[in-house]
């Protein structure tokens, strides 16, 4: 971050890396959807696989966008103030990601239920 002059330029340069990370996270969330389905079915509960996959992927997308954007803003702001971004951003993102992931899963399930996908 020491050589970044403009936040917009930094985002443009790192966009390819962000896409790669999101693809990996998306694949992980597909696996999470299948695991959720198998666990639910194994305890004799009714499960709808498309809903579980959709909820996992949508919650990933929501939480990834929010956490990525906020972590970039916080890191850039911390550096501008002369703070070490590592000491400030890591605890912030750890707390933020737990909260955002929980809220995004609830939001994803609500959205999917509202549009009739589950």
C-alpha atoms as a PDB file:
ATOM      1  CA  UNK A   1       0.000   0.000   0.000  1.00  0.00           C
ATOM      2  CA  UNK A   2       2.978   2.313   0.382  1.00  0.00           C
ATOM      3  CA  UNK A   3       3.079   3.250  -3.285  1.00  0.00           C
ATOM      4  CA  UNK A   4      -0.647   3.738  -3.886  1.00  0.00           C
ATOM      5  CA  UNK A   5      -1.598   7.283  -4.725  1.00  0.00           C
ATOM      6  CA  UNK A   6      -5.210   6.845  -5.793  1.00  0.00           C
ATOM      7  CA  UNK A   7      -7.723   4.403  -4.330  1.00  0.00           C
ATOM      8  CA  UNK A   8      -9.518   4.013  -7.671  1.00  0.00           C
ATOM      9  CA  UNK A   9      -6.295   3.005  -9.436  1.00  0.00           C
ATOM     10  CA  UNK A  10      -5.520   0.471  -6.713  1.00  0.00           C
ATOM     11  CA  UNK A  11      -8.935  -1.116  -7.124  1.00  0.00           C
ATOM     12  CA  UNK A  12      -8.550  -1.340 -10.901  1.00  0.00           C
ATOM     13  CA  UNK A  13      -5.148  -3.015 -10.596  1.00  0.00           C
ATOM     14  CA  UNK A  14      -6.311  -5.581  -8.068  1.00  0.00           C
ATOM     15  CA  UNK A  15      -9.595  -6.438  -9.804  1.00  0.00           C
ATOM     16  CA  UNK A  16      -8.197  -9.586 -11.447  1.00  0.00           C
ATOM     17  CA  UNK A  17      -6.959 -10.904  -8.098  1.00  0.00           C
ATOM     18  CA  UNK A  18     -10.320 -10.135  -6.533  1.00  0.00           C
ATOM     19  CA  UNK A  19     -12.083 -12.109  -9.285  1.00  0.00           C
ATOM     20  CA  UNK A  20      -9.822 -15.099  -8.682  1.00  0.00           C
ATOM     21  CA  UNK A  21     -10.521 -15.007  -4.961  1.00  0.00           C
ATOM     22  CA  UNK A  22     -14.265 -14.766  -5.555  1.00  0.00           C
ATOM     23  CA  UNK A  23     -14.234 -17.740  -7.935  1.00  0.00           C
ATOM     24  CA  UNK A  24     -12.494 -19.840  -5.284  1.00  0.00           C
ATOM     25  CA  UNK A  25     -14.921 -18.625  -2.617  1.00  0.00           C
ATOM     26  CA  UNK A  26     -17.868 -19.358  -4.907  1.00  0.00           C
ATOM     27  CA  UNK A  27     -16.680 -22.930  -5.416  1.00  0.00           C
ATOM     28  CA  UNK A  28     -16.289 -23.350  -1.666  1.00  0.00           C
ATOM     29  CA  UNK A  29     -19.829 -22.100  -1.107  1.00  0.00           C
ATOM     30  CA  UNK A  30     -21.185 -24.563  -3.665  1.00  0.00           C
ATOM     31  CA  UNK A  31     -19.517 -27.294  -1.621  1.00  0.00           C
ATOM     32  CA  UNK A  32     -21.055 -25.786   1.538  1.00  0.00           C
ATOM     33  CA  UNK A  33     -24.481 -25.941  -0.117  1.00  0.00           C
ATOM     34  CA  UNK A  34     -24.050 -29.633  -0.923  1.00  0.00           C
ATOM     35  CA  UNK A  35     -22.771 -30.378   2.580  1.00  0.00           C
ATOM     36  CA  UNK A  36     -25.782 -28.567   4.048  1.00  0.00           C
ATOM     37  CA  UNK A  37     -28.060 -30.641   1.863  1.00  0.00           C
ATOM     38  CA  UNK A  38     -26.414 -33.931   2.829  1.00  0.00           C
ATOM     39  CA  UNK A  39     -26.473 -33.089   6.538  1.00  0.00           C
ATOM     40  CA  UNK A  40     -30.115 -32.036   6.384  1.00  0.00           C
ATOM     41  CA  UNK A  41     -31.168 -35.167   4.495  1.00  0.00           C
ATOM     42  CA  UNK A  42     -29.097 -37.432   6.757  1.00  0.00           C
ATOM     43  CA  UNK A  43     -31.074 -36.325   9.819  1.00  0.00           C
ATOM     44  CA  UNK A  44     -34.346 -37.022   7.993  1.00  0.00           C
ATOM     45  CA  UNK A  45     -35.301 -33.422   7.350  1.00  0.00           C
ATOM     46  CA  UNK A  46     -36.678 -32.170   4.074  1.00  0.00           C
ATOM     47  CA  UNK A  47     -34.173 -30.149   2.064  1.00  0.00           C
ATOM     48  CA  UNK A  48     -34.317 -28.322  -1.252  1.00  0.00           C
ATOM     49  CA  UNK A  49     -30.878 -28.396  -2.877  1.00  0.00           C
ATOM     50  CA  UNK A  50     -31.367 -25.414  -5.241  1.00  0.00           C
ATOM     51  CA  UNK A  51     -32.408 -23.245  -2.289  1.00  0.00           C
ATOM     52  CA  UNK A  52     -29.375 -24.266  -0.222  1.00  0.00           C
ATOM     53  CA  UNK A  53     -27.008 -23.705  -3.144  1.00  0.00           C
ATOM     54  CA  UNK A  54     -28.634 -20.371  -3.960  1.00  0.00           C
ATOM     55  CA  UNK A  55     -28.477 -19.213  -0.349  1.00  0.00           C
ATOM     56  CA  UNK A  56     -24.818 -20.197  -0.070  1.00  0.00           C
ATOM     57  CA  UNK A  57     -23.828 -18.467  -3.315  1.00  0.00           C
ATOM     58  CA  UNK A  58     -25.919 -15.344  -2.759  1.00  0.00           C
ATOM     59  CA  UNK A  59     -24.676 -14.914   0.806  1.00  0.00           C
ATOM     60  CA  UNK A  60     -21.114 -15.329  -0.467  1.00  0.00           C
ATOM     61  CA  UNK A  61     -21.625 -12.660  -3.094  1.00  0.00           C
ATOM     62  CA  UNK A  62     -23.202 -10.206  -0.664  1.00  0.00           C
ATOM     63  CA  UNK A  63     -20.646 -10.709   2.099  1.00  0.00           C
ATOM     64  CA  UNK A  64     -17.678 -10.752  -0.279  1.00  0.00           C
ATOM     65  CA  UNK A  65     -18.646  -7.460  -1.875  1.00  0.00           C
ATOM     66  CA  UNK A  66     -19.256  -5.724   1.441  1.00  0.00           C
ATOM     67  CA  UNK A  67     -16.171  -7.104   3.210  1.00  0.00           C
ATOM     68  CA  UNK A  68     -13.861  -6.478   0.243  1.00  0.00           C
ATOM     69  CA  UNK A  69     -15.007  -2.930  -0.242  1.00  0.00           C
ATOM     70  CA  UNK A  70     -14.877  -2.031   3.441  1.00  0.00           C
ATOM     71  CA  UNK A  71     -11.488  -3.670   3.999  1.00  0.00           C
ATOM     72  CA  UNK A  72     -10.014  -1.767   1.062  1.00  0.00           C
ATOM     73  CA  UNK A  73     -11.442   1.519   2.290  1.00  0.00           C
ATOM     74  CA  UNK A  74     -10.247   0.924   5.854  1.00  0.00           C
ATOM     75  CA  UNK A  75      -6.760  -0.141   4.721  1.00  0.00           C
ATOM     76  CA  UNK A  76      -6.398   2.864   2.450  1.00  0.00           C
ATOM     77  CA  UNK A  77      -7.702   5.237   5.126  1.00  0.00           C
ATOM     78  CA  UNK A  78      -5.419   3.770   7.794  1.00  0.00           C
ATOM     79  CA  UNK A  79      -2.402   4.156   5.539  1.00  0.00           C
ATOM     80  CA  UNK A  80      -3.338   7.751   4.695  1.00  0.00           C
ATOM     81  CA  UNK A  81      -3.386   8.537   8.426  1.00  0.00           C
ATOM     82  CA  UNK A  82       0.035   6.964   8.904  1.00  0.00           C
ATOM     83  CA  UNK A  83      -1.243   3.893  10.740  1.00  0.00           C
ATOM     84  CA  UNK A  84      -0.009   0.412   9.965  1.00  0.00           C
ATOM     85  CA  UNK A  85      -2.891  -1.145   7.996  1.00  0.00           C
ATOM     86  CA  UNK A  86      -1.954  -4.654   9.175  1.00  0.00           C
ATOM     87  CA  UNK A  87      -2.474  -3.741  12.821  1.00  0.00           C
ATOM     88  CA  UNK A  88      -5.749  -1.982  12.163  1.00  0.00           C
ATOM     89  CA  UNK A  89      -7.420  -3.821   9.289  1.00  0.00           C
ATOM     90  CA  UNK A  90      -6.989  -7.449  10.377  1.00  0.00           C
ATOM     91  CA  UNK A  91      -8.963  -7.128  13.654  1.00  0.00           C
ATOM     92  CA  UNK A  92     -11.542  -4.956  11.896  1.00  0.00           C
ATOM     93  CA  UNK A  93     -12.094  -7.428   9.063  1.00  0.00           C
ATOM     94  CA  UNK A  94     -12.206 -10.408  11.416  1.00  0.00           C
ATOM     95  CA  UNK A  95     -15.068  -8.858  13.359  1.00  0.00           C
ATOM     96  CA  UNK A  96     -16.749  -7.428  10.298  1.00  0.00           C
ATOM     97  CA  UNK A  97     -16.678 -10.643   8.280  1.00  0.00           C
ATOM     98  CA  UNK A  98     -18.417 -12.651  11.004  1.00  0.00           C
ATOM     99  CA  UNK A  99     -21.196 -10.110  11.278  1.00  0.00           C
ATOM    100  CA  UNK A 100     -21.557  -9.554   7.545  1.00  0.00           C
ATOM    101  CA  UNK A 101     -21.557 -13.293   6.767  1.00  0.00           C
ATOM    102  CA  UNK A 102     -24.347 -13.939   9.260  1.00  0.00           C
ATOM    103  CA  UNK A 103     -26.444 -11.030   8.031  1.00  0.00           C
ATOM    104  CA  UNK A 104     -25.838 -11.901   4.380  1.00  0.00           C
ATOM    105  CA  UNK A 105     -26.957 -15.498   4.934  1.00  0.00           C
ATOM    106  CA  UNK A 106     -30.157 -14.243   6.530  1.00  0.00           C
ATOM    107  CA  UNK A 107     -30.620 -11.746   3.684  1.00  0.00           C
ATOM    108  CA  UNK A 108     -29.962 -14.377   1.019  1.00  0.00           C
ATOM    109  CA  UNK A 109     -32.468 -16.791   2.536  1.00  0.00           C
ATOM    110  CA  UNK A 110     -35.052 -14.019   2.817  1.00  0.00           C
ATOM    111  CA  UNK A 111     -34.502 -12.916  -0.783  1.00  0.00           C
ATOM    112  CA  UNK A 112     -34.776 -16.470  -2.090  1.00  0.00           C
ATOM    113  CA  UNK A 113     -37.940 -17.137  -0.075  1.00  0.00           C
ATOM    114  CA  UNK A 114     -39.453 -13.854  -1.269  1.00  0.00           C
ATOM    115  CA  UNK A 115     -38.914 -14.679  -4.936  1.00  0.00           C
ATOM    116  CA  UNK A 116     -40.256 -18.180  -4.368  1.00  0.00           C
ATOM    117  CA  UNK A 117     -37.045 -20.130  -4.793  1.00  0.00           C
ATOM    118  CA  UNK A 118     -37.467 -22.247  -1.709  1.00  0.00           C
END
